[in-house]
Amino acid sequence: MCEATVYLGNGGEEKEIMRDVVLVQPEDDAWLLVSLLGEQKLVRGTINRVDFLKHTVHLSQPPETAVES
């Protein structure tokens, strides 16, 4: 099986946002992530790296969508 784990980076820190992802599809200015069980998540960001050996996708969040503390 070839599922991936997707991480979202924000300010030098990466957070796991979804596991068992089987589809990463562009949707306008975002990415549609779909898991093996059909869960869907729409995430804004830029793909920085895809590591096929480790089954990971690394996104970075655009500055305008960063959550303010």
N, C-alpha and C. Protein backbone atom coordinates (compact mmCIF):
# COMPACT_ATOMS: atom_id res chain seq x y z
N MET A 1 0.84 -1.17 0.00
CA MET A 1 0.00 0.00 0.00
C MET A 1 0.89 1.24 0.00
N CYS A 2 0.36 2.31 -0.56
CA CYS A 2 1.17 3.52 -0.71
C CYS A 2 0.47 4.76 -0.15
N GLU A 3 0.00 4.68 1.08
CA GLU A 3 -0.60 5.84 1.70
C GLU A 3 0.50 6.77 2.21
N ALA A 4 0.15 8.05 2.33
CA ALA A 4 1.11 9.03 2.81
C ALA A 4 0.56 9.76 4.03
N THR A 5 1.46 10.36 4.76
CA THR A 5 1.10 11.25 5.85
C THR A 5 1.42 12.66 5.38
N VAL A 6 0.48 13.58 5.59
CA VAL A 6 0.66 14.97 5.14
C VAL A 6 0.93 15.85 6.35
N TYR A 7 1.96 16.69 6.21
CA TYR A 7 2.35 17.63 7.25
C TYR A 7 2.20 19.04 6.71
N LEU A 8 1.81 19.97 7.60
CA LEU A 8 1.67 21.38 7.23
C LEU A 8 2.62 22.20 8.08
N GLY A 9 3.49 22.93 7.42
CA GLY A 9 4.46 23.77 8.12
C GLY A 9 3.97 25.19 8.24
N ASN A 10 4.28 25.79 9.40
CA ASN A 10 3.88 27.17 9.66
C ASN A 10 4.93 27.79 10.57
N GLY A 11 5.72 28.69 10.04
CA GLY A 11 6.73 29.37 10.86
C GLY A 11 7.82 28.45 11.38
N GLY A 12 8.27 27.49 10.56
CA GLY A 12 9.34 26.60 10.96
C GLY A 12 8.90 25.38 11.75
N GLU A 13 7.62 25.28 12.03
CA GLU A 13 7.08 24.16 12.79
C GLU A 13 6.14 23.35 11.89
N GLU A 14 6.29 22.01 11.88
CA GLU A 14 5.42 21.16 11.07
C GLU A 14 4.45 20.38 11.96
N LYS A 15 3.21 20.28 11.48
CA LYS A 15 2.18 19.57 12.22
C LYS A 15 1.54 18.54 11.30
N GLU A 16 1.37 17.33 11.79
CA GLU A 16 0.70 16.29 11.01
C GLU A 16 -0.78 16.67 10.88
N ILE A 17 -1.28 16.69 9.63
CA ILE A 17 -2.68 17.07 9.46
C ILE A 17 -3.55 15.93 8.95
N MET A 18 -2.94 14.89 8.37
CA MET A 18 -3.75 13.77 7.90
C MET A 18 -2.87 12.55 7.61
N ARG A 19 -3.39 11.37 7.97
CA ARG A 19 -2.70 10.10 7.71
C ARG A 19 -3.45 9.30 6.66
N ASP A 20 -2.78 8.31 6.12
CA ASP A 20 -3.37 7.37 5.15
C ASP A 20 -3.97 8.08 3.94
N VAL A 21 -3.28 9.11 3.47
CA VAL A 21 -3.74 9.88 2.31
C VAL A 21 -3.41 9.10 1.03
N VAL A 22 -4.42 8.96 0.19
CA VAL A 22 -4.24 8.23 -1.07
C VAL A 22 -4.40 9.14 -2.29
N LEU A 23 -4.87 10.39 -2.06
CA LEU A 23 -5.05 11.33 -3.17
C LEU A 23 -4.74 12.74 -2.70
N VAL A 24 -3.90 13.44 -3.47
CA VAL A 24 -3.64 14.86 -3.26
C VAL A 24 -3.95 15.52 -4.60
N GLN A 25 -5.01 16.33 -4.61
CA GLN A 25 -5.50 16.90 -5.87
C GLN A 25 -5.63 18.41 -5.74
N PRO A 26 -5.13 19.17 -6.73
CA PRO A 26 -5.28 20.63 -6.66
C PRO A 26 -6.74 21.04 -6.83
N GLU A 27 -7.16 22.01 -6.01
CA GLU A 27 -8.51 22.57 -6.06
C GLU A 27 -8.37 24.08 -5.93
N ASP A 28 -8.38 24.79 -7.06
CA ASP A 28 -8.18 26.24 -7.08
C ASP A 28 -6.89 26.60 -6.35
N ASP A 29 -6.98 27.29 -5.20
CA ASP A 29 -5.78 27.71 -4.47
C ASP A 29 -5.51 26.81 -3.27
N ALA A 30 -6.01 25.57 -3.31
CA ALA A 30 -5.85 24.65 -2.18
C ALA A 30 -5.60 23.23 -2.71
N TRP A 31 -5.42 22.31 -1.76
CA TRP A 31 -5.21 20.89 -2.08
C TRP A 31 -6.29 20.08 -1.41
N LEU A 32 -6.92 19.20 -2.16
CA LEU A 32 -7.89 18.27 -1.61
C LEU A 32 -7.14 17.01 -1.21
N LEU A 33 -7.21 16.66 0.07
CA LEU A 33 -6.58 15.45 0.58
C LEU A 33 -7.69 14.43 0.84
N VAL A 34 -7.50 13.20 0.36
CA VAL A 34 -8.50 12.15 0.56
C VAL A 34 -7.78 10.94 1.15
N SER A 35 -8.35 10.44 2.27
CA SER A 35 -7.74 9.30 2.94
C SER A 35 -8.25 7.99 2.35
N LEU A 36 -7.63 6.91 2.78
CA LEU A 36 -8.00 5.57 2.35
C LEU A 36 -9.46 5.25 2.66
N LEU A 37 -9.98 5.80 3.75
CA LEU A 37 -11.36 5.55 4.16
C LEU A 37 -12.35 6.60 3.63
N GLY A 38 -11.85 7.52 2.78
CA GLY A 38 -12.73 8.50 2.14
C GLY A 38 -12.85 9.83 2.85
N GLU A 39 -12.17 10.00 3.99
CA GLU A 39 -12.18 11.30 4.67
C GLU A 39 -11.55 12.34 3.75
N GLN A 40 -12.13 13.53 3.70
CA GLN A 40 -11.62 14.59 2.84
C GLN A 40 -11.27 15.82 3.67
N LYS A 41 -10.22 16.51 3.23
CA LYS A 41 -9.81 17.74 3.89
C LYS A 41 -9.26 18.66 2.80
N LEU A 42 -9.67 19.93 2.83
CA LEU A 42 -9.19 20.93 1.89
C LEU A 42 -8.20 21.83 2.63
N VAL A 43 -6.98 21.92 2.11
CA VAL A 43 -5.91 22.63 2.79
C VAL A 43 -5.25 23.61 1.84
N ARG A 44 -5.13 24.85 2.26
CA ARG A 44 -4.38 25.84 1.48
C ARG A 44 -2.90 25.71 1.82
N GLY A 45 -2.07 25.82 0.80
CA GLY A 45 -0.64 25.73 1.03
C GLY A 45 0.10 25.39 -0.25
N THR A 46 1.40 25.30 -0.11
CA THR A 46 2.29 24.98 -1.23
C THR A 46 3.01 23.69 -0.90
N ILE A 47 3.12 22.80 -1.89
CA ILE A 47 3.87 21.57 -1.67
C ILE A 47 5.36 21.90 -1.68
N ASN A 48 6.04 21.59 -0.58
CA ASN A 48 7.48 21.81 -0.47
C ASN A 48 8.27 20.56 -0.84
N ARG A 49 7.73 19.40 -0.43
CA ARG A 49 8.50 18.18 -0.63
C ARG A 49 7.55 16.98 -0.59
N VAL A 50 7.84 16.01 -1.44
CA VAL A 50 7.17 14.71 -1.41
C VAL A 50 8.27 13.68 -1.26
N ASP A 51 8.22 12.90 -0.19
CA ASP A 51 9.23 11.88 0.06
C ASP A 51 8.58 10.51 -0.14
N PHE A 52 8.83 9.90 -1.28
CA PHE A 52 8.22 8.62 -1.60
C PHE A 52 8.75 7.49 -0.73
N LEU A 53 9.98 7.60 -0.29
CA LEU A 53 10.56 6.56 0.55
C LEU A 53 9.92 6.54 1.94
N LYS A 54 9.65 7.73 2.48
CA LYS A 54 9.05 7.84 3.81
C LYS A 54 7.52 8.00 3.74
N HIS A 55 6.96 8.09 2.54
CA HIS A 55 5.51 8.24 2.34
C HIS A 55 4.99 9.49 3.03
N THR A 56 5.66 10.63 2.78
CA THR A 56 5.24 11.89 3.38
C THR A 56 5.08 12.97 2.33
N VAL A 57 4.15 13.89 2.60
CA VAL A 57 3.96 15.09 1.77
C VAL A 57 4.07 16.26 2.73
N HIS A 58 4.89 17.25 2.37
CA HIS A 58 5.13 18.40 3.24
C HIS A 58 4.62 19.65 2.55
N LEU A 59 3.65 20.31 3.18
CA LEU A 59 3.07 21.55 2.69
C LEU A 59 3.53 22.69 3.57
N SER A 60 3.56 23.91 3.01
CA SER A 60 3.79 25.09 3.84
C SER A 60 2.57 25.98 3.71
N GLN A 61 2.18 26.56 4.82
CA GLN A 61 0.98 27.39 4.86
C GLN A 61 1.31 28.80 4.39
N PRO A 62 0.47 29.36 3.53
CA PRO A 62 0.72 30.75 3.10
C PRO A 62 0.60 31.69 4.30
N PRO A 63 1.39 32.77 4.34
CA PRO A 63 1.39 33.69 5.48
C PRO A 63 0.00 34.27 5.79
N GLU A 64 -0.80 34.54 4.77
CA GLU A 64 -2.12 35.17 5.02
C GLU A 64 -3.10 34.23 5.69
N THR A 65 -2.83 32.90 5.74
CA THR A 65 -3.74 31.97 6.39
C THR A 65 -3.23 31.53 7.76
N ALA A 66 -2.10 32.08 8.17
CA ALA A 66 -1.55 31.71 9.47
C ALA A 66 -2.48 32.14 10.59
N VAL A 67 -2.61 31.31 11.59
CA VAL A 67 -3.46 31.62 12.73
C VAL A 67 -2.71 32.53 13.67
N GLU A 68 -3.36 33.64 14.05
CA GLU A 68 -2.73 34.59 14.96
C GLU A 68 -3.00 34.19 16.40
N SER A 69 -2.01 34.37 17.26
CA SER A 69 -2.17 34.03 18.68
C SER A 69 -2.77 35.16 19.46
